[in-house]
N, C-alpha and C. Protein backbone atom coordinates (compact mmCIF):
# COMPACT_ATOMS: atom_id res chain seq x y z
N UNK A 1 11.00 28.70 -17.35
CA UNK A 1 11.18 28.70 -15.89
C UNK A 1 10.41 27.56 -15.24
N UNK A 2 9.20 27.32 -15.73
CA UNK A 2 8.38 26.26 -15.14
C UNK A 2 9.04 24.91 -15.36
N UNK A 3 9.61 24.71 -16.55
CA UNK A 3 10.26 23.44 -16.84
C UNK A 3 11.44 23.21 -15.91
N UNK A 4 12.22 24.26 -15.66
CA UNK A 4 13.37 24.12 -14.78
C UNK A 4 12.92 23.80 -13.35
N UNK A 5 11.86 24.47 -12.91
CA UNK A 5 11.34 24.23 -11.57
C UNK A 5 10.84 22.80 -11.44
N UNK A 6 10.11 22.32 -12.45
CA UNK A 6 9.60 20.96 -12.42
C UNK A 6 10.73 19.94 -12.43
N UNK A 7 11.78 20.23 -13.20
CA UNK A 7 12.92 19.32 -13.27
C UNK A 7 13.63 19.24 -11.92
N UNK A 8 13.78 20.41 -11.27
CA UNK A 8 14.43 20.44 -9.96
C UNK A 8 13.61 19.69 -8.93
N UNK A 9 12.27 19.87 -9.00
CA UNK A 9 11.39 19.19 -8.06
C UNK A 9 11.44 17.68 -8.28
N UNK A 10 11.49 17.26 -9.55
CA UNK A 10 11.57 15.84 -9.86
C UNK A 10 12.86 15.24 -9.31
N UNK A 11 13.97 15.95 -9.47
CA UNK A 11 15.25 15.46 -8.96
C UNK A 11 15.22 15.38 -7.43
N UNK A 12 14.64 16.39 -6.81
CA UNK A 12 14.52 16.39 -5.35
C UNK A 12 13.71 15.18 -4.89
N UNK A 13 12.60 14.89 -5.58
CA UNK A 13 11.77 13.74 -5.22
C UNK A 13 12.54 12.44 -5.37
N UNK A 14 13.31 12.33 -6.44
CA UNK A 14 14.10 11.11 -6.67
C UNK A 14 15.11 10.90 -5.54
N UNK A 15 15.77 11.98 -5.14
CA UNK A 15 16.76 11.89 -4.07
C UNK A 15 16.08 11.54 -2.76
N UNK A 16 14.95 12.19 -2.50
CA UNK A 16 14.19 11.92 -1.27
C UNK A 16 13.78 10.46 -1.20
N UNK A 17 13.19 9.95 -2.27
CA UNK A 17 12.70 8.57 -2.28
C UNK A 17 13.85 7.57 -2.14
N UNK A 18 14.97 7.84 -2.81
CA UNK A 18 16.10 6.92 -2.73
C UNK A 18 16.71 6.90 -1.34
N UNK A 19 16.89 8.08 -0.75
CA UNK A 19 17.45 8.14 0.60
C UNK A 19 16.50 7.52 1.62
N UNK A 20 15.22 7.76 1.45
CA UNK A 20 14.24 7.16 2.36
C UNK A 20 14.31 5.64 2.28
N UNK A 21 14.39 5.11 1.06
CA UNK A 21 14.50 3.67 0.86
C UNK A 21 15.77 3.13 1.51
N UNK A 22 16.87 3.85 1.35
CA UNK A 22 18.14 3.39 1.91
C UNK A 22 18.13 3.41 3.44
N UNK A 23 17.42 4.38 4.02
CA UNK A 23 17.33 4.45 5.48
C UNK A 23 16.41 3.34 6.00
N UNK A 24 15.26 3.18 5.35
CA UNK A 24 14.28 2.19 5.79
C UNK A 24 14.83 0.77 5.69
N UNK A 25 15.61 0.50 4.64
CA UNK A 25 16.13 -0.85 4.45
C UNK A 25 17.41 -1.12 5.23
N UNK A 26 17.93 -0.09 5.91
CA UNK A 26 19.11 -0.30 6.74
C UNK A 26 20.43 -0.14 6.00
N UNK A 27 20.39 0.33 4.75
CA UNK A 27 21.65 0.58 4.04
C UNK A 27 22.46 1.62 4.81
N UNK A 28 21.75 2.65 5.29
CA UNK A 28 22.36 3.61 6.20
C UNK A 28 21.85 3.27 7.60
N UNK A 29 22.71 2.78 8.44
CA UNK A 29 22.28 2.33 9.76
C UNK A 29 22.17 3.49 10.73
N UNK A 30 21.45 3.26 11.81
CA UNK A 30 21.31 4.25 12.85
C UNK A 30 22.65 4.62 13.45
N UNK A 31 22.83 5.92 13.73
CA UNK A 31 24.09 6.40 14.28
C UNK A 31 25.04 6.95 13.23
N UNK A 32 24.67 6.84 11.95
CA UNK A 32 25.54 7.33 10.88
C UNK A 32 25.08 8.70 10.39
N UNK A 33 25.98 9.37 9.66
CA UNK A 33 25.70 10.70 9.12
C UNK A 33 25.67 10.66 7.60
N UNK A 34 24.82 11.51 7.02
CA UNK A 34 24.81 11.73 5.58
C UNK A 34 25.37 13.13 5.33
N UNK A 35 26.38 13.23 4.47
CA UNK A 35 27.00 14.51 4.19
C UNK A 35 26.54 15.04 2.83
N UNK A 36 26.24 16.32 2.78
CA UNK A 36 25.74 16.93 1.54
C UNK A 36 26.72 16.72 0.38
N UNK A 37 28.01 16.93 0.62
CA UNK A 37 28.99 16.80 -0.46
C UNK A 37 28.98 15.40 -1.05
N UNK A 38 28.93 14.40 -0.18
CA UNK A 38 28.91 13.02 -0.65
C UNK A 38 27.66 12.73 -1.46
N UNK A 39 26.53 13.25 -0.99
CA UNK A 39 25.26 13.01 -1.68
C UNK A 39 25.21 13.72 -3.03
N UNK A 40 25.76 14.93 -3.08
CA UNK A 40 25.82 15.67 -4.35
C UNK A 40 26.62 14.88 -5.38
N UNK A 41 27.73 14.31 -4.93
CA UNK A 41 28.56 13.52 -5.84
C UNK A 41 27.86 12.23 -6.25
N UNK A 42 27.19 11.60 -5.30
CA UNK A 42 26.53 10.33 -5.58
C UNK A 42 25.38 10.50 -6.57
N UNK A 43 24.63 11.60 -6.44
CA UNK A 43 23.49 11.83 -7.32
C UNK A 43 23.81 12.74 -8.50
N UNK A 44 25.05 13.26 -8.51
CA UNK A 44 25.51 14.13 -9.59
C UNK A 44 24.58 15.34 -9.76
N UNK A 45 24.35 16.04 -8.64
CA UNK A 45 23.48 17.21 -8.64
C UNK A 45 24.12 18.31 -7.80
N UNK A 46 23.51 19.49 -7.85
CA UNK A 46 23.95 20.61 -7.02
C UNK A 46 23.43 20.41 -5.59
N UNK A 47 23.77 21.34 -4.72
CA UNK A 47 23.37 21.23 -3.32
C UNK A 47 21.86 21.41 -3.12
N UNK A 48 21.23 22.21 -3.98
CA UNK A 48 19.83 22.59 -3.73
C UNK A 48 18.89 21.39 -3.65
N UNK A 49 18.83 20.49 -4.64
CA UNK A 49 17.90 19.36 -4.52
C UNK A 49 18.26 18.42 -3.37
N UNK A 50 19.55 18.28 -3.07
CA UNK A 50 19.97 17.44 -1.95
C UNK A 50 19.50 18.05 -0.64
N UNK A 51 19.71 19.36 -0.50
CA UNK A 51 19.32 20.04 0.73
C UNK A 51 17.81 19.98 0.94
N UNK A 52 17.05 20.18 -0.13
CA UNK A 52 15.59 20.13 -0.03
C UNK A 52 15.12 18.72 0.33
N UNK A 53 15.77 17.72 -0.23
CA UNK A 53 15.41 16.34 0.09
C UNK A 53 15.70 16.04 1.56
N UNK A 54 16.82 16.53 2.06
CA UNK A 54 17.17 16.31 3.47
C UNK A 54 16.20 17.02 4.40
N UNK A 55 15.75 18.20 4.01
CA UNK A 55 14.77 18.93 4.82
C UNK A 55 13.47 18.13 4.91
N UNK A 56 13.06 17.55 3.79
CA UNK A 56 11.84 16.72 3.79
C UNK A 56 12.02 15.49 4.67
N UNK A 57 13.18 14.86 4.58
CA UNK A 57 13.44 13.68 5.40
C UNK A 57 13.43 14.03 6.88
N UNK A 58 13.94 15.21 7.20
CA UNK A 58 13.93 15.67 8.58
C UNK A 58 12.51 15.94 9.05
N UNK A 59 11.72 16.57 8.19
CA UNK A 59 10.32 16.85 8.52
C UNK A 59 9.55 15.56 8.77
N UNK A 60 9.86 14.53 7.99
CA UNK A 60 9.17 13.24 8.12
C UNK A 60 9.82 12.35 9.18
N UNK A 61 10.82 12.89 9.88
CA UNK A 61 11.46 12.26 11.03
C UNK A 61 12.27 11.01 10.70
N UNK A 62 12.82 10.97 9.49
CA UNK A 62 13.75 9.90 9.15
C UNK A 62 15.17 10.25 9.60
N UNK A 63 15.46 11.55 9.64
CA UNK A 63 16.79 12.02 10.02
C UNK A 63 16.68 13.24 10.93
N UNK A 64 17.82 13.63 11.51
CA UNK A 64 17.91 14.88 12.26
C UNK A 64 19.02 15.72 11.62
N UNK A 65 18.72 16.98 11.33
CA UNK A 65 19.72 17.86 10.74
C UNK A 65 20.49 18.55 11.86
N UNK A 66 21.79 18.30 11.91
CA UNK A 66 22.65 18.85 12.96
C UNK A 66 23.62 19.85 12.32
N UNK A 67 23.55 21.13 12.71
CA UNK A 67 24.42 22.14 12.10
C UNK A 67 25.90 21.76 12.17
N UNK A 68 26.60 21.96 11.06
CA UNK A 68 28.04 21.72 10.93
C UNK A 68 28.43 20.24 11.02
N UNK A 69 27.46 19.36 11.08
CA UNK A 69 27.79 17.94 11.15
C UNK A 69 27.11 17.13 10.05
N UNK A 70 25.92 17.53 9.67
CA UNK A 70 25.23 16.82 8.60
C UNK A 70 23.90 16.26 9.03
N UNK A 71 23.41 15.31 8.24
CA UNK A 71 22.12 14.67 8.50
C UNK A 71 22.36 13.39 9.30
N UNK A 72 21.84 13.36 10.49
CA UNK A 72 22.07 12.24 11.40
C UNK A 72 20.90 11.27 11.37
N UNK A 73 21.21 9.98 11.25
CA UNK A 73 20.17 8.95 11.30
C UNK A 73 20.14 8.41 12.73
N UNK A 74 19.09 8.72 13.48
CA UNK A 74 19.05 8.29 14.89
C UNK A 74 19.06 6.77 15.01
N UNK A 75 19.76 6.29 16.02
CA UNK A 75 19.76 4.85 16.30
C UNK A 75 18.56 4.52 17.17
N UNK A 76 17.78 3.55 16.76
CA UNK A 76 16.56 3.21 17.47
C UNK A 76 16.87 2.29 18.64
N UNK A 77 16.30 2.61 19.80
CA UNK A 77 16.50 1.82 21.01
C UNK A 77 15.23 1.04 21.34
N UNK A 78 15.33 0.19 22.35
CA UNK A 78 14.15 -0.54 22.81
C UNK A 78 13.08 0.43 23.27
N UNK A 79 13.49 1.49 23.95
CA UNK A 79 12.52 2.49 24.42
C UNK A 79 11.81 3.15 23.25
N UNK A 80 12.54 3.42 22.16
CA UNK A 80 11.93 4.01 20.97
C UNK A 80 10.87 3.07 20.39
N UNK A 81 11.24 1.80 20.26
CA UNK A 81 10.30 0.81 19.71
C UNK A 81 9.06 0.72 20.60
N UNK A 82 9.27 0.67 21.90
CA UNK A 82 8.15 0.57 22.84
C UNK A 82 7.22 1.77 22.71
N UNK A 83 7.78 2.97 22.69
CA UNK A 83 6.96 4.17 22.61
C UNK A 83 6.22 4.26 21.28
N UNK A 84 6.92 3.98 20.19
CA UNK A 84 6.30 4.08 18.87
C UNK A 84 5.15 3.09 18.72
N UNK A 85 5.36 1.87 19.18
CA UNK A 85 4.32 0.86 19.00
C UNK A 85 3.18 1.01 20.01
N UNK A 86 3.44 1.65 21.13
CA UNK A 86 2.33 2.01 22.02
C UNK A 86 1.41 3.02 21.34
N UNK A 87 2.02 3.93 20.58
CA UNK A 87 1.22 4.89 19.82
C UNK A 87 0.41 4.19 18.73
N UNK A 88 1.01 3.21 18.09
CA UNK A 88 0.29 2.50 17.04
C UNK A 88 -0.84 1.66 17.62
N UNK A 89 -0.62 1.07 18.78
CA UNK A 89 -1.69 0.32 19.44
C UNK A 89 -2.91 1.21 19.63
N UNK A 90 -2.68 2.40 20.20
CA UNK A 90 -3.79 3.30 20.50
C UNK A 90 -4.40 3.93 19.25
N UNK A 91 -3.54 4.48 18.39
CA UNK A 91 -4.04 5.24 17.24
C UNK A 91 -4.62 4.35 16.15
N UNK A 92 -3.95 3.25 15.84
CA UNK A 92 -4.49 2.34 14.83
C UNK A 92 -5.75 1.65 15.34
N UNK A 93 -5.80 1.43 16.66
CA UNK A 93 -7.02 0.87 17.24
C UNK A 93 -8.21 1.79 17.00
N UNK A 94 -8.00 3.09 17.21
CA UNK A 94 -9.07 4.05 16.96
C UNK A 94 -9.40 4.14 15.48
N UNK A 95 -8.37 4.11 14.62
CA UNK A 95 -8.62 4.16 13.18
C UNK A 95 -9.45 2.96 12.73
N UNK A 96 -9.14 1.78 13.27
CA UNK A 96 -9.91 0.58 12.93
C UNK A 96 -11.35 0.71 13.41
N UNK A 97 -11.54 1.26 14.60
CA UNK A 97 -12.87 1.47 15.16
C UNK A 97 -13.69 2.39 14.25
N UNK A 98 -13.08 3.49 13.82
CA UNK A 98 -13.78 4.45 12.97
C UNK A 98 -14.05 3.88 11.57
N UNK A 99 -13.06 3.18 11.04
CA UNK A 99 -13.22 2.64 9.69
C UNK A 99 -14.29 1.56 9.64
N UNK A 100 -14.38 0.74 10.68
CA UNK A 100 -15.35 -0.36 10.68
C UNK A 100 -16.77 0.15 10.47
N UNK A 101 -17.05 1.34 10.94
CA UNK A 101 -18.40 1.91 10.80
C UNK A 101 -18.70 2.29 9.36
N UNK A 102 -17.67 2.70 8.60
CA UNK A 102 -17.89 3.22 7.26
C UNK A 102 -17.27 2.35 6.17
N UNK A 103 -16.82 1.16 6.53
CA UNK A 103 -16.17 0.28 5.55
C UNK A 103 -17.12 -0.05 4.40
N UNK A 104 -16.65 0.15 3.18
CA UNK A 104 -17.47 -0.16 2.00
C UNK A 104 -17.10 -1.55 1.47
N UNK A 105 -18.01 -2.18 0.75
CA UNK A 105 -17.70 -3.50 0.16
C UNK A 105 -16.47 -3.44 -0.75
N UNK A 106 -16.28 -2.32 -1.43
CA UNK A 106 -15.15 -2.19 -2.35
C UNK A 106 -13.82 -2.20 -1.60
N UNK A 107 -13.74 -1.46 -0.50
CA UNK A 107 -12.49 -1.41 0.26
C UNK A 107 -12.23 -2.74 0.95
N UNK A 108 -13.29 -3.36 1.48
CA UNK A 108 -13.13 -4.67 2.12
C UNK A 108 -12.65 -5.70 1.10
N UNK A 109 -13.18 -5.63 -0.12
CA UNK A 109 -12.73 -6.55 -1.18
C UNK A 109 -11.26 -6.30 -1.50
N UNK A 110 -10.86 -5.04 -1.49
CA UNK A 110 -9.45 -4.69 -1.73
C UNK A 110 -8.58 -5.29 -0.62
N UNK A 111 -9.08 -5.25 0.61
CA UNK A 111 -8.35 -5.84 1.74
C UNK A 111 -8.20 -7.35 1.57
N UNK A 112 -9.28 -7.99 1.14
CA UNK A 112 -9.23 -9.44 0.92
C UNK A 112 -8.16 -9.80 -0.11
N UNK A 113 -8.11 -9.03 -1.18
CA UNK A 113 -7.12 -9.28 -2.23
C UNK A 113 -5.71 -9.05 -1.70
N UNK A 114 -5.56 -8.03 -0.85
CA UNK A 114 -4.25 -7.75 -0.25
C UNK A 114 -3.80 -8.91 0.63
N UNK A 115 -4.72 -9.43 1.45
CA UNK A 115 -4.40 -10.56 2.32
C UNK A 115 -4.02 -11.78 1.49
N UNK A 116 -4.72 -11.99 0.38
CA UNK A 116 -4.41 -13.13 -0.50
C UNK A 116 -3.02 -12.99 -1.10
N UNK A 117 -2.67 -11.78 -1.54
CA UNK A 117 -1.33 -11.56 -2.10
C UNK A 117 -0.26 -11.75 -1.02
N UNK A 118 -0.56 -11.27 0.17
CA UNK A 118 0.38 -11.40 1.29
C UNK A 118 0.66 -12.88 1.57
N UNK A 119 -0.38 -13.71 1.52
CA UNK A 119 -0.23 -15.14 1.76
C UNK A 119 0.66 -15.79 0.71
N UNK A 120 0.48 -15.39 -0.55
CA UNK A 120 1.30 -15.94 -1.64
C UNK A 120 2.76 -15.55 -1.46
N UNK A 121 3.00 -14.28 -1.16
CA UNK A 121 4.37 -13.81 -0.98
C UNK A 121 5.05 -14.51 0.21
N UNK A 122 4.27 -14.74 1.27
CA UNK A 122 4.84 -15.42 2.44
C UNK A 122 5.19 -16.86 2.10
N UNK A 123 4.32 -17.51 1.34
CA UNK A 123 4.58 -18.89 0.92
C UNK A 123 5.82 -18.97 0.04
N UNK A 124 6.02 -17.96 -0.79
CA UNK A 124 7.17 -17.93 -1.69
C UNK A 124 8.46 -17.51 -0.97
N UNK A 125 8.31 -16.99 0.24
CA UNK A 125 9.48 -16.51 0.97
C UNK A 125 9.94 -15.14 0.52
N UNK A 126 9.05 -14.40 -0.14
CA UNK A 126 9.38 -13.05 -0.61
C UNK A 126 8.98 -12.06 0.49
N UNK A 127 9.85 -11.91 1.48
CA UNK A 127 9.49 -11.18 2.68
C UNK A 127 9.41 -9.66 2.47
N UNK A 128 10.16 -9.15 1.52
CA UNK A 128 10.06 -7.72 1.22
C UNK A 128 8.69 -7.41 0.63
N UNK A 129 8.20 -8.28 -0.26
CA UNK A 129 6.86 -8.09 -0.82
C UNK A 129 5.78 -8.25 0.25
N UNK A 130 6.02 -9.14 1.20
CA UNK A 130 5.09 -9.28 2.33
C UNK A 130 4.98 -7.96 3.07
N UNK A 131 6.13 -7.35 3.33
CA UNK A 131 6.17 -6.06 4.03
C UNK A 131 5.40 -5.00 3.25
N UNK A 132 5.62 -4.94 1.94
CA UNK A 132 4.93 -3.94 1.12
C UNK A 132 3.42 -4.15 1.16
N UNK A 133 3.01 -5.41 1.16
CA UNK A 133 1.58 -5.71 1.21
C UNK A 133 1.00 -5.36 2.57
N UNK A 134 1.78 -5.57 3.63
CA UNK A 134 1.34 -5.17 4.97
C UNK A 134 1.07 -3.67 5.02
N UNK A 135 1.99 -2.90 4.46
CA UNK A 135 1.82 -1.45 4.45
C UNK A 135 0.56 -1.05 3.68
N UNK A 136 0.32 -1.73 2.57
CA UNK A 136 -0.86 -1.41 1.77
C UNK A 136 -2.14 -1.73 2.55
N UNK A 137 -2.17 -2.89 3.20
CA UNK A 137 -3.35 -3.28 3.98
C UNK A 137 -3.66 -2.21 5.03
N UNK A 138 -2.64 -1.80 5.76
CA UNK A 138 -2.86 -0.82 6.82
C UNK A 138 -3.26 0.54 6.26
N UNK A 139 -2.77 0.88 5.09
CA UNK A 139 -3.13 2.17 4.50
C UNK A 139 -4.62 2.25 4.19
N UNK A 140 -5.25 1.11 3.94
CA UNK A 140 -6.66 1.12 3.55
C UNK A 140 -7.57 1.57 4.69
N UNK A 141 -7.36 1.04 5.89
CA UNK A 141 -8.24 1.48 6.99
C UNK A 141 -7.79 2.83 7.54
N UNK A 142 -6.48 3.11 7.49
CA UNK A 142 -6.00 4.39 8.00
C UNK A 142 -6.54 5.55 7.15
N UNK A 143 -6.32 5.47 5.85
CA UNK A 143 -6.69 6.58 4.96
C UNK A 143 -8.19 6.71 4.76
N UNK A 144 -8.95 5.71 5.19
CA UNK A 144 -10.40 5.76 5.04
C UNK A 144 -11.14 5.78 6.38
N UNK A 145 -10.43 6.16 7.44
CA UNK A 145 -11.06 6.18 8.76
C UNK A 145 -11.92 7.42 8.98
N UNK A 146 -11.73 8.44 8.14
CA UNK A 146 -12.58 9.62 8.22
C UNK A 146 -12.12 10.70 9.18
N UNK A 147 -10.92 10.56 9.75
CA UNK A 147 -10.40 11.55 10.69
C UNK A 147 -9.03 12.01 10.21
N UNK A 148 -8.96 13.21 9.61
CA UNK A 148 -7.72 13.68 9.00
C UNK A 148 -6.60 13.86 10.01
N UNK A 149 -6.94 14.34 11.19
CA UNK A 149 -5.89 14.54 12.21
C UNK A 149 -5.31 13.20 12.66
N UNK A 150 -6.17 12.23 12.82
CA UNK A 150 -5.69 10.90 13.21
C UNK A 150 -4.82 10.30 12.12
N UNK A 151 -5.21 10.49 10.87
CA UNK A 151 -4.42 9.99 9.74
C UNK A 151 -3.03 10.60 9.76
N UNK A 152 -2.95 11.91 10.00
CA UNK A 152 -1.65 12.59 10.04
C UNK A 152 -0.77 12.06 11.17
N UNK A 153 -1.38 11.83 12.33
CA UNK A 153 -0.62 11.33 13.48
C UNK A 153 -0.07 9.93 13.19
N UNK A 154 -0.92 9.06 12.65
CA UNK A 154 -0.49 7.69 12.36
C UNK A 154 0.61 7.68 11.30
N UNK A 155 0.46 8.51 10.27
CA UNK A 155 1.48 8.54 9.22
C UNK A 155 2.81 9.07 9.74
N UNK A 156 2.77 10.03 10.66
CA UNK A 156 4.00 10.56 11.25
C UNK A 156 4.72 9.47 12.04
N UNK A 157 3.97 8.74 12.85
CA UNK A 157 4.56 7.63 13.62
C UNK A 157 4.99 6.51 12.67
N UNK A 158 4.17 6.29 11.64
CA UNK A 158 4.46 5.23 10.69
C UNK A 158 5.77 5.42 9.95
N UNK A 159 6.16 6.69 9.72
CA UNK A 159 7.44 6.95 9.07
C UNK A 159 8.60 6.35 9.85
N UNK A 160 8.42 6.22 11.16
CA UNK A 160 9.48 5.66 12.00
C UNK A 160 9.32 4.15 12.19
N UNK A 161 8.08 3.69 12.34
CA UNK A 161 7.88 2.25 12.55
C UNK A 161 8.16 1.44 11.28
N UNK A 162 8.02 2.06 10.11
CA UNK A 162 8.22 1.32 8.87
C UNK A 162 9.66 0.82 8.76
N UNK A 163 10.58 1.54 9.36
CA UNK A 163 11.99 1.12 9.36
C UNK A 163 12.15 -0.21 10.10
N UNK A 164 11.49 -0.33 11.24
CA UNK A 164 11.54 -1.57 12.01
C UNK A 164 10.87 -2.70 11.23
N UNK A 165 9.72 -2.41 10.64
CA UNK A 165 8.95 -3.42 9.92
C UNK A 165 9.72 -3.95 8.71
N UNK A 166 10.34 -3.05 7.95
CA UNK A 166 11.04 -3.47 6.73
C UNK A 166 12.26 -4.31 7.07
N UNK A 167 13.06 -3.86 8.04
CA UNK A 167 14.26 -4.61 8.41
C UNK A 167 13.87 -5.96 9.00
N UNK A 168 12.77 -6.00 9.74
CA UNK A 168 12.29 -7.26 10.30
C UNK A 168 11.89 -8.22 9.18
N UNK A 169 11.23 -7.68 8.16
CA UNK A 169 10.82 -8.51 7.03
C UNK A 169 12.04 -9.09 6.32
N UNK A 170 13.06 -8.26 6.12
CA UNK A 170 14.27 -8.74 5.45
C UNK A 170 15.02 -9.76 6.30
N UNK A 171 14.85 -9.65 7.63
CA UNK A 171 15.49 -10.62 8.52
C UNK A 171 14.72 -11.94 8.56
N UNK A 172 13.57 -11.95 7.87
CA UNK A 172 12.78 -13.17 7.68
C UNK A 172 12.25 -13.74 9.00
N UNK A 173 11.59 -12.89 9.79
CA UNK A 173 10.95 -13.35 11.01
C UNK A 173 9.60 -13.96 10.64
N UNK A 174 9.64 -15.18 10.13
CA UNK A 174 8.43 -15.81 9.60
C UNK A 174 7.34 -15.94 10.65
N UNK A 175 7.72 -16.21 11.90
CA UNK A 175 6.70 -16.39 12.94
C UNK A 175 5.86 -15.13 13.09
N UNK A 176 6.51 -13.98 13.11
CA UNK A 176 5.80 -12.71 13.24
C UNK A 176 4.93 -12.44 12.03
N UNK A 177 5.45 -12.73 10.84
CA UNK A 177 4.71 -12.47 9.60
C UNK A 177 3.50 -13.38 9.47
N UNK A 178 3.60 -14.62 9.93
CA UNK A 178 2.48 -15.55 9.85
C UNK A 178 1.34 -15.11 10.76
N UNK A 179 1.68 -14.66 11.96
CA UNK A 179 0.66 -14.16 12.88
C UNK A 179 0.02 -12.90 12.31
N UNK A 180 0.83 -12.04 11.72
CA UNK A 180 0.32 -10.81 11.12
C UNK A 180 -0.67 -11.12 10.00
N UNK A 181 -0.34 -12.09 9.16
CA UNK A 181 -1.23 -12.49 8.07
C UNK A 181 -2.58 -12.97 8.62
N UNK A 182 -2.53 -13.81 9.64
CA UNK A 182 -3.76 -14.33 10.25
C UNK A 182 -4.61 -13.18 10.80
N UNK A 183 -3.96 -12.24 11.45
CA UNK A 183 -4.69 -11.12 12.04
C UNK A 183 -5.30 -10.22 10.97
N UNK A 184 -4.62 -10.05 9.85
CA UNK A 184 -5.17 -9.25 8.76
C UNK A 184 -6.47 -9.87 8.24
N UNK A 185 -6.49 -11.18 8.16
CA UNK A 185 -7.71 -11.86 7.73
C UNK A 185 -8.85 -11.66 8.71
N UNK A 186 -8.54 -11.74 10.00
CA UNK A 186 -9.56 -11.54 11.04
C UNK A 186 -10.07 -10.10 11.03
N UNK A 187 -9.18 -9.17 10.81
CA UNK A 187 -9.58 -7.76 10.75
C UNK A 187 -10.50 -7.50 9.56
N UNK A 188 -10.19 -8.13 8.44
CA UNK A 188 -11.03 -7.96 7.26
C UNK A 188 -12.45 -8.41 7.53
N UNK A 189 -12.60 -9.52 8.24
CA UNK A 189 -13.93 -10.02 8.58
C UNK A 189 -14.65 -9.07 9.53
N UNK A 190 -13.93 -8.51 10.49
CA UNK A 190 -14.54 -7.55 11.42
C UNK A 190 -14.99 -6.30 10.68
N UNK A 191 -14.20 -5.85 9.73
CA UNK A 191 -14.58 -4.67 8.95
C UNK A 191 -15.81 -4.97 8.10
N UNK A 192 -15.86 -6.16 7.52
CA UNK A 192 -17.01 -6.53 6.69
C UNK A 192 -18.29 -6.53 7.53
N UNK A 193 -18.17 -6.96 8.78
CA UNK A 193 -19.33 -7.03 9.66
C UNK A 193 -19.64 -5.69 10.34
N UNK A 194 -18.81 -4.68 10.08
CA UNK A 194 -18.95 -3.36 10.72
C UNK A 194 -18.93 -3.49 12.25
N UNK A 195 -18.14 -4.44 12.72
CA UNK A 195 -18.02 -4.66 14.17
C UNK A 195 -16.90 -3.78 14.71
N UNK A 196 -17.26 -2.61 15.20
CA UNK A 196 -16.26 -1.62 15.60
C UNK A 196 -15.43 -2.08 16.79
N UNK A 197 -16.07 -2.62 17.80
CA UNK A 197 -15.34 -3.02 19.00
C UNK A 197 -14.38 -4.18 18.72
N UNK A 198 -14.84 -5.13 17.92
CA UNK A 198 -13.97 -6.26 17.58
C UNK A 198 -12.79 -5.79 16.73
N UNK A 199 -13.06 -4.88 15.80
CA UNK A 199 -11.99 -4.35 14.95
C UNK A 199 -10.94 -3.64 15.79
N UNK A 200 -11.38 -2.84 16.74
CA UNK A 200 -10.43 -2.13 17.60
C UNK A 200 -9.63 -3.12 18.45
N UNK A 201 -10.29 -4.10 19.04
CA UNK A 201 -9.60 -5.07 19.89
C UNK A 201 -8.57 -5.87 19.09
N UNK A 202 -8.95 -6.30 17.89
CA UNK A 202 -8.03 -7.05 17.04
C UNK A 202 -6.82 -6.21 16.65
N UNK A 203 -7.08 -4.94 16.31
CA UNK A 203 -5.99 -4.07 15.88
C UNK A 203 -5.04 -3.78 17.03
N UNK A 204 -5.58 -3.51 18.19
CA UNK A 204 -4.72 -3.25 19.35
C UNK A 204 -3.88 -4.47 19.68
N UNK A 205 -4.49 -5.66 19.62
CA UNK A 205 -3.76 -6.90 19.88
C UNK A 205 -2.68 -7.13 18.82
N UNK A 206 -3.01 -6.79 17.58
CA UNK A 206 -2.09 -6.95 16.45
C UNK A 206 -0.81 -6.14 16.67
N UNK A 207 -0.97 -4.87 17.00
CA UNK A 207 0.21 -4.02 17.18
C UNK A 207 0.93 -4.32 18.49
N UNK A 208 0.21 -4.77 19.50
CA UNK A 208 0.85 -5.15 20.76
C UNK A 208 1.75 -6.37 20.53
N UNK A 209 1.25 -7.33 19.76
CA UNK A 209 2.06 -8.51 19.45
C UNK A 209 3.31 -8.12 18.66
N UNK A 210 3.13 -7.21 17.70
CA UNK A 210 4.27 -6.75 16.90
C UNK A 210 5.31 -6.09 17.79
N UNK A 211 4.85 -5.25 18.71
CA UNK A 211 5.77 -4.56 19.62
C UNK A 211 6.60 -5.55 20.41
N UNK A 212 5.94 -6.54 21.01
CA UNK A 212 6.66 -7.52 21.82
C UNK A 212 7.64 -8.33 20.98
N UNK A 213 7.23 -8.65 19.75
CA UNK A 213 8.11 -9.42 18.87
C UNK A 213 9.34 -8.63 18.47
N UNK A 214 9.16 -7.36 18.13
CA UNK A 214 10.29 -6.54 17.73
C UNK A 214 11.25 -6.31 18.89
N UNK A 215 10.71 -6.13 20.09
CA UNK A 215 11.57 -5.96 21.26
C UNK A 215 12.37 -7.23 21.51
N UNK A 216 11.72 -8.38 21.36
CA UNK A 216 12.43 -9.66 21.55
C UNK A 216 13.56 -9.81 20.54
N UNK A 217 13.28 -9.50 19.28
CA UNK A 217 14.31 -9.62 18.25
C UNK A 217 15.43 -8.60 18.48
N UNK A 218 15.07 -7.44 19.00
CA UNK A 218 16.09 -6.41 19.29
C UNK A 218 17.04 -6.92 20.36
N UNK A 219 16.48 -7.50 21.42
CA UNK A 219 17.30 -8.02 22.51
C UNK A 219 18.20 -9.15 22.02
N UNK A 220 17.67 -9.96 21.10
CA UNK A 220 18.45 -11.08 20.55
C UNK A 220 19.56 -10.61 19.61
N UNK A 221 19.49 -9.34 19.20
CA UNK A 221 20.53 -8.79 18.34
C UNK A 221 20.26 -8.84 16.86
N UNK A 222 19.11 -9.40 16.47
CA UNK A 222 18.81 -9.51 15.04
C UNK A 222 18.26 -8.21 14.46
N UNK A 223 17.88 -7.27 15.32
CA UNK A 223 17.42 -5.97 14.86
C UNK A 223 18.38 -4.84 15.23
N UNK A 224 18.92 -4.91 16.45
CA UNK A 224 19.68 -3.79 17.00
C UNK A 224 20.89 -3.42 16.15
N UNK A 225 21.49 -4.40 15.47
CA UNK A 225 22.69 -4.10 14.69
C UNK A 225 22.38 -3.40 13.37
N UNK A 226 21.09 -3.23 13.02
CA UNK A 226 20.73 -2.56 11.77
C UNK A 226 19.88 -1.31 12.00
N UNK A 227 19.45 -1.09 13.24
CA UNK A 227 18.63 0.08 13.55
C UNK A 227 19.47 1.21 14.12
C-alpha cells in the first residue's frame, strides 16, 4: 500500500511540476482552460493524480478551478502586475532589511557566486538561466530573513510574479536584466556590511524598477500576448 501511495504521489508531483512549468513559460497562455480529460490522456494517468495536481496549482494561485468548465489560467493585466509588484516592493524590502541583520558570510558568499553565474549567463545570452539564477538569488535573503509569515506571503505572491519574470527573460529584455544584475551586486555588498536601511532601499528600488519595466513591456505588447 505504501508503495502505491508513493507512486501516486510521485506522479502527482510530476504532473504538478510540468503544468507549473508550462504555465510559467507561457505554453498555456492566460485566458485558456486546462481540461482533466485532455491532461489524463497527455500524461497517461487516471483522474486522481491530475485532479490533485490541479488542486495544488489552484492553492498556489497558478490557476482557478471553475466548476463544470475546468482549470482556468487567469490573464494578467497591467493592474495585476502593478498590485503584485507593489507587494514585492514592500515585502521584499522588509525581508532584505531583516536578512541584512543576520546575513552570514556563507550566505553572502553564495550570493556572490550567484551574481557571478548570472553575469556569465547574461553575457552568453542564456536568458532562461539568468531568470533561474535571479530566483535563486532572491530565495537566499527571503528564506533566511527569519520571519516565517513574511516568507509565506512573499512565496505566495512570487508564484504569480515568476510568470512575468520568466516570460520577460525569454523575451530577452536585456536592459532590464542588466540593471537587475547590477542591483544584485549592490545588494550583496549591503548584506555583507549588515546595512539594513541600505539593503531595504536597494531592494525596494529594485522591484519598483522591475514593475515599471514590466508595465512598459506590457503596453508595448511584448508581454500582454503571452500573459
